[in-house]
């Protein structure tokens, strides 16, 4: 699994990196066929009072790319909400991929009746 954590207009500190990794453990525990994960953390300055922290993640699993983004005033809160959304989408994808059809029980051939 390839993991990329990058920051846009902010430095990704070791504490922030560790926080993202611990949150991603929950997603990878539910679905282990993850090929690639790209996390982008950014800060948008709209006005002096309005600072929006944004977290985005793109997860490449076999057959599909899952993209989730979340923004909040606090970056840690944005990461928490992002991982909740991602977890729901990964679980939904896992349910779609799993084969829910069970093989029918093999019919027991009855001995031919003697008439």
PDB file of N, CA and C in Angstrom:
ATOM      1  N   UNK A   1       0.842  -1.173   0.000  1.00  0.00           N
ATOM      2  CA  UNK A   1       0.000   0.000   0.000  1.00  0.00           C
ATOM      3  C   UNK A   1       0.887   1.235   0.000  1.00  0.00           C
ATOM      4  N   UNK A   2       0.644   2.117  -0.931  1.00  0.00           N
ATOM      5  CA  UNK A   2       1.373   3.376  -1.015  1.00  0.00           C
ATOM      6  C   UNK A   2       0.569   4.453  -0.309  1.00  0.00           C
ATOM      7  N   UNK A   3       1.244   5.224   0.548  1.00  0.00           N
ATOM      8  CA  UNK A   3       0.586   6.273   1.310  1.00  0.00           C
ATOM      9  C   UNK A   3       1.326   7.575   1.096  1.00  0.00           C
ATOM     10  N   UNK A   4       0.589   8.616   0.692  1.00  0.00           N
ATOM     11  CA  UNK A   4       1.158   9.938   0.495  1.00  0.00           C
ATOM     12  C   UNK A   4       0.352  10.932   1.311  1.00  0.00           C
ATOM     13  N   UNK A   5       1.013  11.646   2.205  1.00  0.00           N
ATOM     14  CA  UNK A   5       0.371  12.696   2.992  1.00  0.00           C
ATOM     15  C   UNK A   5       1.072  14.001   2.653  1.00  0.00           C
ATOM     16  N   UNK A   6       0.324  14.946   2.109  1.00  0.00           N
ATOM     17  CA  UNK A   6       0.927  16.212   1.722  1.00  0.00           C
ATOM     18  C   UNK A   6       0.087  17.368   2.244  1.00  0.00           C
ATOM     19  N   UNK A   7       0.716  18.529   2.307  1.00  0.00           N
ATOM     20  CA  UNK A   7       0.046  19.723   2.813  1.00  0.00           C
ATOM     21  C   UNK A   7       0.072  20.841   1.787  1.00  0.00           C
ATOM     22  N   UNK A   8      -0.992  21.589   1.736  1.00  0.00           N
ATOM     23  CA  UNK A   8      -1.102  22.731   0.838  1.00  0.00           C
ATOM     24  C   UNK A   8      -1.275  23.970   1.706  1.00  0.00           C
ATOM     25  N   UNK A   9      -0.318  24.850   1.682  1.00  0.00           N
ATOM     26  CA  UNK A   9      -0.268  26.051   2.520  1.00  0.00           C
ATOM     27  C   UNK A   9      -0.089  25.727   3.998  1.00  0.00           C
ATOM     28  N   UNK A  10       0.447  24.555   4.312  1.00  0.00           N
ATOM     29  CA  UNK A  10       0.786  24.226   5.686  1.00  0.00           C
ATOM     30  C   UNK A  10       1.827  23.119   5.688  1.00  0.00           C
ATOM     31  N   UNK A  11       2.581  23.056   6.766  1.00  0.00           N
ATOM     32  CA  UNK A  11       3.570  22.000   6.931  1.00  0.00           C
ATOM     33  C   UNK A  11       2.923  20.831   7.654  1.00  0.00           C
ATOM     34  N   UNK A  12       3.164  19.633   7.145  1.00  0.00           N
ATOM     35  CA  UNK A  12       2.631  18.435   7.782  1.00  0.00           C
ATOM     36  C   UNK A  12       3.597  18.053   8.901  1.00  0.00           C
ATOM     37  N   UNK A  13       3.183  18.289  10.127  1.00  0.00           N
ATOM     38  CA  UNK A  13       4.022  17.980  11.278  1.00  0.00           C
ATOM     39  C   UNK A  13       3.981  16.482  11.562  1.00  0.00           C
ATOM     40  N   UNK A  14       4.970  15.971  12.292  1.00  0.00           N
ATOM     41  CA  UNK A  14       4.926  14.541  12.649  1.00  0.00           C
ATOM     42  C   UNK A  14       3.683  14.165  13.453  1.00  0.00           C
ATOM     43  N   UNK A  15       3.221  15.074  14.313  1.00  0.00           N
ATOM     44  CA  UNK A  15       2.006  14.788  15.089  1.00  0.00           C
ATOM     45  C   UNK A  15       0.786  14.675  14.171  1.00  0.00           C
ATOM     46  N   UNK A  16       0.704  15.557  13.191  1.00  0.00           N
ATOM     47  CA  UNK A  16      -0.403  15.517  12.241  1.00  0.00           C
ATOM     48  C   UNK A  16      -0.336  14.254  11.384  1.00  0.00           C
ATOM     49  N   UNK A  17       0.873  13.883  10.970  1.00  0.00           N
ATOM     50  CA  UNK A  17       1.060  12.661  10.183  1.00  0.00           C
ATOM     51  C   UNK A  17       0.654  11.425  10.988  1.00  0.00           C
ATOM     52  N   UNK A  18       1.046  11.390  12.245  1.00  0.00           N
ATOM     53  CA  UNK A  18       0.711  10.249  13.112  1.00  0.00           C
ATOM     54  C   UNK A  18      -0.800  10.160  13.339  1.00  0.00           C
ATOM     55  N   UNK A  19      -1.441  11.329  13.485  1.00  0.00           N
ATOM     56  CA  UNK A  19      -2.896  11.362  13.686  1.00  0.00           C
ATOM     57  C   UNK A  19      -3.623  10.789  12.471  1.00  0.00           C
ATOM     58  N   UNK A  20      -3.182  11.165  11.271  1.00  0.00           N
ATOM     59  CA  UNK A  20      -3.797  10.653  10.048  1.00  0.00           C
ATOM     60  C   UNK A  20      -3.572   9.145   9.938  1.00  0.00           C
ATOM     61  N   UNK A  21      -2.372   8.691  10.271  1.00  0.00           N
ATOM     62  CA  UNK A  21      -2.073   7.259  10.195  1.00  0.00           C
ATOM     63  C   UNK A  21      -2.937   6.437  11.149  1.00  0.00           C
ATOM     64  N   UNK A  22      -3.137   6.941  12.370  1.00  0.00           N
ATOM     65  CA  UNK A  22      -3.970   6.191  13.319  1.00  0.00           C
ATOM     66  C   UNK A  22      -5.424   6.143  12.851  1.00  0.00           C
ATOM     67  N   UNK A  23      -5.887   7.210  12.227  1.00  0.00           N
ATOM     68  CA  UNK A  23      -7.254   7.216  11.720  1.00  0.00           C
ATOM     69  C   UNK A  23      -7.405   6.306  10.492  1.00  0.00           C
ATOM     70  N   UNK A  24      -6.368   6.220   9.684  1.00  0.00           N
ATOM     71  CA  UNK A  24      -6.429   5.357   8.495  1.00  0.00           C
ATOM     72  C   UNK A  24      -6.394   3.882   8.856  1.00  0.00           C
ATOM     73  N   UNK A  25      -5.888   3.562  10.041  1.00  0.00           N
ATOM     74  CA  UNK A  25      -5.866   2.159  10.466  1.00  0.00           C
ATOM     75  C   UNK A  25      -7.266   1.565  10.504  1.00  0.00           C
ATOM     76  N   UNK A  26      -8.235   2.375  10.875  1.00  0.00           N
ATOM     77  CA  UNK A  26      -9.609   1.889  10.949  1.00  0.00           C
ATOM     78  C   UNK A  26     -10.130   1.507   9.563  1.00  0.00           C
ATOM     79  N   UNK A  27      -9.775   2.313   8.561  1.00  0.00           N
ATOM     80  CA  UNK A  27     -10.235   2.031   7.194  1.00  0.00           C
ATOM     81  C   UNK A  27      -9.553   0.789   6.648  1.00  0.00           C
ATOM     82  N   UNK A  28      -8.249   0.683   6.848  1.00  0.00           N
ATOM     83  CA  UNK A  28      -7.526  -0.473   6.320  1.00  0.00           C
ATOM     84  C   UNK A  28      -7.868  -1.748   7.074  1.00  0.00           C
ATOM     85  N   UNK A  29      -8.355  -1.613   8.297  1.00  0.00           N
ATOM     86  CA  UNK A  29      -8.789  -2.794   9.045  1.00  0.00           C
ATOM     87  C   UNK A  29     -10.078  -3.364   8.449  1.00  0.00           C
ATOM     88  N   UNK A  30     -10.944  -2.486   7.941  1.00  0.00           N
ATOM     89  CA  UNK A  30     -12.200  -2.948   7.351  1.00  0.00           C
ATOM     90  C   UNK A  30     -12.006  -3.529   5.958  1.00  0.00           C
ATOM     91  N   UNK A  31     -11.057  -2.994   5.211  1.00  0.00           N
ATOM     92  CA  UNK A  31     -10.890  -3.416   3.819  1.00  0.00           C
ATOM     93  C   UNK A  31      -9.398  -3.430   3.525  1.00  0.00           C
ATOM     94  N   UNK A  32      -8.846  -4.615   3.301  1.00  0.00           N
ATOM     95  CA  UNK A  32      -7.400  -4.736   3.181  1.00  0.00           C
ATOM     96  C   UNK A  32      -6.892  -4.691   1.739  1.00  0.00           C
ATOM     97  N   UNK A  33      -7.754  -4.522   0.760  1.00  0.00           N
ATOM     98  CA  UNK A  33      -7.327  -4.502  -0.634  1.00  0.00           C
ATOM     99  C   UNK A  33      -7.108  -3.083  -1.148  1.00  0.00           C
ATOM    100  N   UNK A  34      -6.524  -2.233  -0.303  1.00  0.00           N
ATOM    101  CA  UNK A  34      -6.252  -0.850  -0.670  1.00  0.00           C
ATOM    102  C   UNK A  34      -4.908  -0.807  -1.389  1.00  0.00           C
ATOM    103  N   UNK A  35      -4.879  -0.188  -2.566  1.00  0.00           N
ATOM    104  CA  UNK A  35      -3.662  -0.112  -3.355  1.00  0.00           C
ATOM    105  C   UNK A  35      -2.896   1.166  -3.043  1.00  0.00           C
ATOM    106  N   UNK A  36      -3.603   2.289  -2.993  1.00  0.00           N
ATOM    107  CA  UNK A  36      -2.960   3.591  -2.922  1.00  0.00           C
ATOM    108  C   UNK A  36      -3.824   4.549  -2.106  1.00  0.00           C
ATOM    109  N   UNK A  37      -3.198   5.375  -1.258  1.00  0.00           N
ATOM    110  CA  UNK A  37      -3.925   6.394  -0.496  1.00  0.00           C
ATOM    111  C   UNK A  37      -3.174   7.709  -0.632  1.00  0.00           C
ATOM    112  N   UNK A  38      -3.886   8.755  -1.057  1.00  0.00           N
ATOM    113  CA  UNK A  38      -3.328  10.102  -1.137  1.00  0.00           C
ATOM    114  C   UNK A  38      -4.131  11.011  -0.219  1.00  0.00           C
ATOM    115  N   UNK A  39      -3.460  11.648   0.734  1.00  0.00           N
ATOM    116  CA  UNK A  39      -4.123  12.559   1.676  1.00  0.00           C
ATOM    117  C   UNK A  39      -3.574  13.957   1.434  1.00  0.00           C
ATOM    118  N   UNK A  40      -4.471  14.935   1.285  1.00  0.00           N
ATOM    119  CA  UNK A  40      -4.076  16.322   1.093  1.00  0.00           C
ATOM    120  C   UNK A  40      -4.719  17.153   2.184  1.00  0.00           C
ATOM    121  N   UNK A  41      -3.898  17.817   2.980  1.00  0.00           N
ATOM    122  CA  UNK A  41      -4.366  18.700   4.043  1.00  0.00           C
ATOM    123  C   UNK A  41      -4.077  20.125   3.606  1.00  0.00           C
ATOM    124  N   UNK A  42      -5.073  21.003   3.699  1.00  0.00           N
ATOM    125  CA  UNK A  42      -4.862  22.366   3.223  1.00  0.00           C
ATOM    126  C   UNK A  42      -5.558  23.366   4.123  1.00  0.00           C
ATOM    127  N   UNK A  43      -5.065  24.599   4.043  1.00  0.00           N
ATOM    128  CA  UNK A  43      -5.651  25.729   4.769  1.00  0.00           C
ATOM    129  C   UNK A  43      -6.027  26.773   3.741  1.00  0.00           C
ATOM    130  N   UNK A  44      -7.271  27.194   3.781  1.00  0.00           N
ATOM    131  CA  UNK A  44      -7.743  28.240   2.874  1.00  0.00           C
ATOM    132  C   UNK A  44      -8.012  29.489   3.687  1.00  0.00           C
ATOM    133  N   UNK A  45      -7.417  30.578   3.284  1.00  0.00           N
ATOM    134  CA  UNK A  45      -7.684  31.855   3.944  1.00  0.00           C
ATOM    135  C   UNK A  45      -8.673  32.621   3.080  1.00  0.00           C
ATOM    136  N   UNK A  46      -9.893  32.664   3.527  1.00  0.00           N
ATOM    137  CA  UNK A  46     -10.893  33.405   2.784  1.00  0.00           C
ATOM    138  C   UNK A  46     -10.907  34.864   3.231  1.00  0.00           C
ATOM    139  N   UNK A  47     -11.009  35.085   4.516  1.00  0.00           N
ATOM    140  CA  UNK A  47     -10.926  36.413   5.122  1.00  0.00           C
ATOM    141  C   UNK A  47     -10.119  36.254   6.390  1.00  0.00           C
ATOM    142  N   UNK A  48      -9.912  37.324   7.081  1.00  0.00           N
ATOM    143  CA  UNK A  48      -9.141  37.252   8.326  1.00  0.00           C
ATOM    144  C   UNK A  48      -9.819  36.353   9.351  1.00  0.00           C
ATOM    145  N   UNK A  49     -11.130  36.505   9.496  1.00  0.00           N
ATOM    146  CA  UNK A  49     -11.843  35.731  10.511  1.00  0.00           C
ATOM    147  C   UNK A  49     -12.205  34.347  10.008  1.00  0.00           C
ATOM    148  N   UNK A  50     -12.335  34.168   8.695  1.00  0.00           N
ATOM    149  CA  UNK A  50     -12.758  32.883   8.150  1.00  0.00           C
ATOM    150  C   UNK A  50     -11.543  32.113   7.650  1.00  0.00           C
ATOM    151  N   UNK A  51     -11.076  31.191   8.449  1.00  0.00           N
ATOM    152  CA  UNK A  51     -10.020  30.286   8.011  1.00  0.00           C
ATOM    153  C   UNK A  51     -10.620  28.896   7.960  1.00  0.00           C
ATOM    154  N   UNK A  52     -10.528  28.299   6.810  1.00  0.00           N
ATOM    155  CA  UNK A  52     -11.138  26.981   6.654  1.00  0.00           C
ATOM    156  C   UNK A  52     -10.032  25.941   6.453  1.00  0.00           C
ATOM    157  N   UNK A  53     -10.073  24.916   7.265  1.00  0.00           N
ATOM    158  CA  UNK A  53      -9.133  23.805   7.161  1.00  0.00           C
ATOM    159  C   UNK A  53      -9.816  22.710   6.350  1.00  0.00           C
ATOM    160  N   UNK A  54      -9.106  22.165   5.395  1.00  0.00           N
ATOM    161  CA  UNK A  54      -9.723  21.188   4.510  1.00  0.00           C
ATOM    162  C   UNK A  54      -8.844  19.947   4.425  1.00  0.00           C
ATOM    163  N   UNK A  55      -9.492  18.789   4.461  1.00  0.00           N
ATOM    164  CA  UNK A  55      -8.795  17.510   4.321  1.00  0.00           C
ATOM    165  C   UNK A  55      -9.448  16.743   3.180  1.00  0.00           C
ATOM    166  N   UNK A  56      -8.610  16.192   2.308  1.00  0.00           N
ATOM    167  CA  UNK A  56      -9.095  15.398   1.182  1.00  0.00           C
ATOM    168  C   UNK A  56      -8.336  14.086   1.160  1.00  0.00           C
ATOM    169  N   UNK A  57      -9.000  13.040   0.737  1.00  0.00           N
ATOM    170  CA  UNK A  57      -8.333  11.745   0.606  1.00  0.00           C
ATOM    171  C   UNK A  57      -8.862  11.051  -0.643  1.00  0.00           C
ATOM    172  N   UNK A  58      -7.938  10.439  -1.372  1.00  0.00           N
ATOM    173  CA  UNK A  58      -8.283   9.607  -2.517  1.00  0.00           C
ATOM    174  C   UNK A  58      -7.736   8.220  -2.238  1.00  0.00           C
ATOM    175  N   UNK A  59      -8.627   7.245  -2.213  1.00  0.00           N
ATOM    176  CA  UNK A  59      -8.241   5.858  -1.953  1.00  0.00           C
ATOM    177  C   UNK A  59      -8.459   5.068  -3.231  1.00  0.00           C
ATOM    178  N   UNK A  60      -7.402   4.448  -3.704  1.00  0.00           N
ATOM    179  CA  UNK A  60      -7.503   3.609  -4.897  1.00  0.00           C
ATOM    180  C   UNK A  60      -7.577   2.159  -4.448  1.00  0.00           C
ATOM    181  N   UNK A  61      -8.745   1.555  -4.646  1.00  0.00           N
ATOM    182  CA  UNK A  61      -8.923   0.147  -4.347  1.00  0.00           C
ATOM    183  C   UNK A  61      -9.095  -0.575  -5.675  1.00  0.00           C
ATOM    184  N   UNK A  62      -9.065  -1.865  -5.613  1.00  0.00           N
ATOM    185  CA  UNK A  62      -9.166  -2.654  -6.836  1.00  0.00           C
ATOM    186  C   UNK A  62     -10.490  -2.369  -7.535  1.00  0.00           C
ATOM    187  N   UNK A  63     -10.408  -1.722  -8.676  1.00  0.00           N
ATOM    188  CA  UNK A  63     -11.602  -1.466  -9.470  1.00  0.00           C
ATOM    189  C   UNK A  63     -12.267  -0.130  -9.247  1.00  0.00           C
ATOM    190  N   UNK A  64     -11.824   0.671  -8.292  1.00  0.00           N
ATOM    191  CA  UNK A  64     -12.525   1.918  -8.022  1.00  0.00           C
ATOM    192  C   UNK A  64     -11.622   2.895  -7.299  1.00  0.00           C
ATOM    193  N   UNK A  65     -11.854   4.186  -7.533  1.00  0.00           N
ATOM    194  CA  UNK A  65     -11.212   5.249  -6.767  1.00  0.00           C
ATOM    195  C   UNK A  65     -12.279   5.888  -5.894  1.00  0.00           C
ATOM    196  N   UNK A  66     -11.984   6.045  -4.619  1.00  0.00           N
ATOM    197  CA  UNK A  66     -12.919   6.658  -3.680  1.00  0.00           C
ATOM    198  C   UNK A  66     -12.335   7.991  -3.255  1.00  0.00           C
ATOM    199  N   UNK A  67     -13.076   9.073  -3.480  1.00  0.00           N
ATOM    200  CA  UNK A  67     -12.618  10.421  -3.124  1.00  0.00           C
ATOM    201  C   UNK A  67     -13.552  11.000  -2.080  1.00  0.00           C
ATOM    202  N   UNK A  68     -12.964  11.548  -1.010  1.00  0.00           N
ATOM    203  CA  UNK A  68     -13.746  12.176   0.060  1.00  0.00           C
ATOM    204  C   UNK A  68     -13.052  13.465   0.447  1.00  0.00           C
ATOM    205  N   UNK A  69     -13.838  14.508   0.696  1.00  0.00           N
ATOM    206  CA  UNK A  69     -13.275  15.757   1.206  1.00  0.00           C
ATOM    207  C   UNK A  69     -14.157  16.293   2.313  1.00  0.00           C
ATOM    208  N   UNK A  70     -13.530  16.992   3.243  1.00  0.00           N
ATOM    209  CA  UNK A  70     -14.259  17.556   4.374  1.00  0.00           C
ATOM    210  C   UNK A  70     -13.530  18.806   4.827  1.00  0.00           C
ATOM    211  N   UNK A  71     -14.282  19.830   5.194  1.00  0.00           N
ATOM    212  CA  UNK A  71     -13.658  21.047   5.686  1.00  0.00           C
ATOM    213  C   UNK A  71     -14.301  21.449   7.009  1.00  0.00           C
ATOM    214  N   UNK A  72     -13.501  22.098   7.836  1.00  0.00           N
ATOM    215  CA  UNK A  72     -13.955  22.525   9.144  1.00  0.00           C
ATOM    216  C   UNK A  72     -13.038  23.654   9.608  1.00  0.00           C
ATOM    217  N   UNK A  73     -13.383  24.258  10.747  1.00  0.00           N
ATOM    218  CA  UNK A  73     -12.520  25.301  11.295  1.00  0.00           C
ATOM    219  C   UNK A  73     -11.287  24.706  11.958  1.00  0.00           C
ATOM    220  N   UNK A  74     -11.375  23.460  12.392  1.00  0.00           N
ATOM    221  CA  UNK A  74     -10.264  22.773  13.033  1.00  0.00           C
ATOM    222  C   UNK A  74      -9.824  21.622  12.138  1.00  0.00           C
ATOM    223  N   UNK A  75      -8.534  21.507  11.884  1.00  0.00           N
ATOM    224  CA  UNK A  75      -8.040  20.484  10.979  1.00  0.00           C
ATOM    225  C   UNK A  75      -8.238  19.078  11.536  1.00  0.00           C
ATOM    226  N   UNK A  76      -8.083  18.926  12.838  1.00  0.00           N
ATOM    227  CA  UNK A  76      -8.283  17.604  13.449  1.00  0.00           C
ATOM    228  C   UNK A  76      -9.751  17.173  13.344  1.00  0.00           C
ATOM    229  N   UNK A  77     -10.668  18.124  13.510  1.00  0.00           N
ATOM    230  CA  UNK A  77     -12.094  17.810  13.358  1.00  0.00           C
ATOM    231  C   UNK A  77     -12.405  17.444  11.909  1.00  0.00           C
ATOM    232  N   UNK A  78     -11.772  18.136  10.975  1.00  0.00           N
ATOM    233  CA  UNK A  78     -11.981  17.823   9.562  1.00  0.00           C
ATOM    234  C   UNK A  78     -11.475  16.415   9.242  1.00  0.00           C
ATOM    235  N   UNK A  79     -10.335  16.028   9.833  1.00  0.00           N
ATOM    236  CA  UNK A  79      -9.791  14.683   9.608  1.00  0.00           C
ATOM    237  C   UNK A  79     -10.719  13.635  10.207  1.00  0.00           C
ATOM    238  N   UNK A  80     -11.252  13.899  11.405  1.00  0.00           N
ATOM    239  CA  UNK A  80     -12.185  12.951  12.031  1.00  0.00           C
ATOM    240  C   UNK A  80     -13.420  12.727  11.157  1.00  0.00           C
ATOM    241  N   UNK A  81     -14.025  13.820  10.700  1.00  0.00           N
ATOM    242  CA  UNK A  81     -15.220  13.707   9.871  1.00  0.00           C
ATOM    243  C   UNK A  81     -14.902  13.051   8.533  1.00  0.00           C
ATOM    244  N   UNK A  82     -13.726  13.341   7.999  1.00  0.00           N
ATOM    245  CA  UNK A  82     -13.296  12.748   6.740  1.00  0.00           C
ATOM    246  C   UNK A  82     -13.156  11.241   6.860  1.00  0.00           C
ATOM    247  N   UNK A  83     -12.555  10.780   7.942  1.00  0.00           N
ATOM    248  CA  UNK A  83     -12.360   9.339   8.114  1.00  0.00           C
ATOM    249  C   UNK A  83     -13.679   8.620   8.350  1.00  0.00           C
ATOM    250  N   UNK A  84     -14.641   9.301   8.998  1.00  0.00           N
ATOM    251  CA  UNK A  84     -15.969   8.704   9.162  1.00  0.00           C
ATOM    252  C   UNK A  84     -16.634   8.496   7.795  1.00  0.00           C
ATOM    253  N   UNK A  85     -16.559   9.518   6.956  1.00  0.00           N
ATOM    254  CA  UNK A  85     -17.137   9.406   5.610  1.00  0.00           C
ATOM    255  C   UNK A  85     -16.436   8.322   4.801  1.00  0.00           C
ATOM    256  N   UNK A  86     -15.114   8.327   4.871  1.00  0.00           N
ATOM    257  CA  UNK A  86     -14.337   7.351   4.113  1.00  0.00           C
ATOM    258  C   UNK A  86     -14.644   5.933   4.568  1.00  0.00           C
ATOM    259  N   UNK A  87     -14.785   5.749   5.871  1.00  0.00           N
ATOM    260  CA  UNK A  87     -15.083   4.429   6.412  1.00  0.00           C
ATOM    261  C   UNK A  87     -16.428   3.923   5.892  1.00  0.00           C
ATOM    262  N   UNK A  88     -17.422   4.794   5.854  1.00  0.00           N
ATOM    263  CA  UNK A  88     -18.738   4.402   5.338  1.00  0.00           C
ATOM    264  C   UNK A  88     -18.650   4.018   3.863  1.00  0.00           C
ATOM    265  N   UNK A  89     -17.910   4.799   3.071  1.00  0.00           N
ATOM    266  CA  UNK A  89     -17.823   4.506   1.644  1.00  0.00           C
ATOM    267  C   UNK A  89     -17.041   3.225   1.379  1.00  0.00           C
ATOM    268  N   UNK A  90     -15.982   2.999   2.151  1.00  0.00           N
ATOM    269  CA  UNK A  90     -15.201   1.775   1.966  1.00  0.00           C
ATOM    270  C   UNK A  90     -16.026   0.558   2.349  1.00  0.00           C
ATOM    271  N   UNK A  91     -16.788   0.653   3.442  1.00  0.00           N
ATOM    272  CA  UNK A  91     -17.652  -0.471   3.839  1.00  0.00           C
ATOM    273  C   UNK A  91     -18.720  -0.732   2.779  1.00  0.00           C
ATOM    274  N   UNK A  92     -19.278   0.321   2.200  1.00  0.00           N
ATOM    275  CA  UNK A  92     -20.281   0.152   1.151  1.00  0.00           C
ATOM    276  C   UNK A  92     -19.658  -0.505  -0.074  1.00  0.00           C
ATOM    277  N   UNK A  93     -18.444  -0.083  -0.425  1.00  0.00           N
ATOM    278  CA  UNK A  93     -17.762  -0.698  -1.567  1.00  0.00           C
ATOM    279  C   UNK A  93     -17.436  -2.165  -1.291  1.00  0.00           C
ATOM    280  N   UNK A  94     -17.040  -2.459  -0.070  1.00  0.00           N
ATOM    281  CA  UNK A  94     -16.720  -3.841   0.295  1.00  0.00           C
ATOM    282  C   UNK A  94     -17.956  -4.720   0.172  1.00  0.00           C
ATOM    283  N   UNK A  95     -19.115  -4.203   0.610  1.00  0.00           N
ATOM    284  CA  UNK A  95     -20.354  -4.979   0.498  1.00  0.00           C
ATOM    285  C   UNK A  95     -20.717  -5.232  -0.963  1.00  0.00           C
ATOM    286  N   UNK A  96     -20.462  -4.258  -1.834  1.00  0.00           N
ATOM    287  CA  UNK A  96     -20.775  -4.447  -3.244  1.00  0.00           C
ATOM    288  C   UNK A  96     -19.851  -5.473  -3.883  1.00  0.00           C
ATOM    289  N   UNK A  97     -18.596  -5.471  -3.472  1.00  0.00           N
ATOM    290  CA  UNK A  97     -17.614  -6.360  -4.082  1.00  0.00           C
ATOM    291  C   UNK A  97     -17.784  -7.798  -3.614  1.00  0.00           C
ATOM    292  N   UNK A  98     -18.160  -7.981  -2.356  1.00  0.00           N
ATOM    293  CA  UNK A  98     -18.295  -9.334  -1.819  1.00  0.00           C
ATOM    294  C   UNK A  98     -19.390 -10.094  -2.553  1.00  0.00           C
ATOM    295  N   UNK A  99     -19.154 -11.367  -2.723  1.00  0.00           N
ATOM    296  CA  UNK A  99     -20.125 -12.224  -3.383  1.00  0.00           C
ATOM    297  C   UNK A  99     -21.104 -12.723  -2.333  1.00  0.00           C
ATOM    298  N   UNK A 100     -22.334 -12.244  -2.401  1.00  0.00           N
ATOM    299  CA  UNK A 100     -23.343 -12.635  -1.423  1.00  0.00           C
ATOM    300  C   UNK A 100     -24.139 -13.853  -1.867  1.00  0.00           C
ATOM    301  N   UNK A 101     -23.863 -14.338  -3.070  1.00  0.00           N
ATOM    302  CA  UNK A 101     -24.600 -15.487  -3.566  1.00  0.00           C
ATOM    303  C   UNK A 101     -23.928 -16.760  -3.072  1.00  0.00           C
ATOM    304  N   UNK A 102     -24.692 -17.588  -2.451  1.00  0.00           N
ATOM    305  CA  UNK A 102     -24.156 -18.845  -1.946  1.00  0.00           C
ATOM    306  C   UNK A 102     -24.396 -19.931  -2.990  1.00  0.00           C
ATOM    307  N   UNK A 103     -23.464 -20.828  -3.101  1.00  0.00           N
ATOM    308  CA  UNK A 103     -23.642 -21.939  -4.030  1.00  0.00           C
ATOM    309  C   UNK A 103     -24.762 -22.829  -3.511  1.00  0.00           C
ATOM    310  N   UNK A 104     -25.590 -23.232  -4.423  1.00  0.00           N
ATOM    311  CA  UNK A 104     -26.711 -24.063  -3.991  1.00  0.00           C
ATOM    312  C   UNK A 104     -26.189 -25.423  -3.542  1.00  0.00           C
ATOM    313  N   UNK A 105     -26.879 -25.981  -2.600  1.00  0.00           N
ATOM    314  CA  UNK A 105     -26.471 -27.296  -2.103  1.00  0.00           C
ATOM    315  C   UNK A 105     -26.605 -28.295  -3.241  1.00  0.00           C
ATOM    316  N   UNK A 106     -25.635 -29.131  -3.352  1.00  0.00           N
ATOM    317  CA  UNK A 106     -25.676 -30.107  -4.440  1.00  0.00           C
ATOM    318  C   UNK A 106     -26.825 -31.074  -4.185  1.00  0.00           C
ATOM    319  N   UNK A 107     -27.537 -31.266  -5.222  1.00  0.00           N
ATOM    320  CA  UNK A 107     -28.688 -32.154  -5.086  1.00  0.00           C
ATOM    321  C   UNK A 107     -28.186 -33.591  -5.043  1.00  0.00           C
ATOM    322  N   UNK A 108     -28.754 -34.296  -4.155  1.00  0.00           N
ATOM    323  CA  UNK A 108     -28.413 -35.707  -4.030  1.00  0.00           C
ATOM    324  C   UNK A 108     -29.256 -36.471  -5.029  1.00  0.00           C
ATOM    325  N   UNK A 109     -28.578 -37.147  -5.929  1.00  0.00           N
ATOM    326  CA  UNK A 109     -29.308 -37.906  -6.951  1.00  0.00           C
ATOM    327  C   UNK A 109     -29.920 -39.130  -6.283  1.00  0.00           C
ATOM    328  N   UNK A 110     -31.218 -39.227  -6.378  1.00  0.00           N
ATOM    329  CA  UNK A 110     -31.908 -40.383  -5.816  1.00  0.00           C
ATOM    330  C   UNK A 110     -31.681 -41.590  -6.714  1.00  0.00           C
ATOM    331  N   UNK A 111     -31.654 -42.734  -6.126  1.00  0.00           N
ATOM    332  CA  UNK A 111     -31.497 -43.964  -6.917  1.00  0.00           C
ATOM    333  C   UNK A 111     -32.721 -44.092  -7.819  1.00  0.00           C
ATOM    334  N   UNK A 112     -32.498 -44.542  -9.021  1.00  0.00           N
ATOM    335  CA  UNK A 112     -33.636 -44.650  -9.940  1.00  0.00           C
ATOM    336  C   UNK A 112     -34.689 -45.607  -9.384  1.00  0.00           C
ATOM    337  N   UNK A 113     -35.908 -45.221  -9.516  1.00  0.00           N
ATOM    338  CA  UNK A 113     -37.003 -46.028  -9.009  1.00  0.00           C
ATOM    339  C   UNK A 113     -37.243 -47.250  -9.911  1.00  0.00           C
ATOM    340  N   UNK A 114     -37.470 -48.350  -9.327  1.00  0.00           N
ATOM    341  CA  UNK A 114     -37.759 -49.568 -10.085  1.00  0.00           C
ATOM    342  C   UNK A 114     -39.266 -49.690 -10.193  1.00  0.00           C
ATOM    343  N   UNK A 115     -39.729 -49.744 -11.412  1.00  0.00           N
ATOM    344  CA  UNK A 115     -41.167 -49.801 -11.613  1.00  0.00           C
ATOM    345  C   UNK A 115     -41.631 -51.162 -11.950  1.00  0.00           C
TER     346      UNK A 115
END
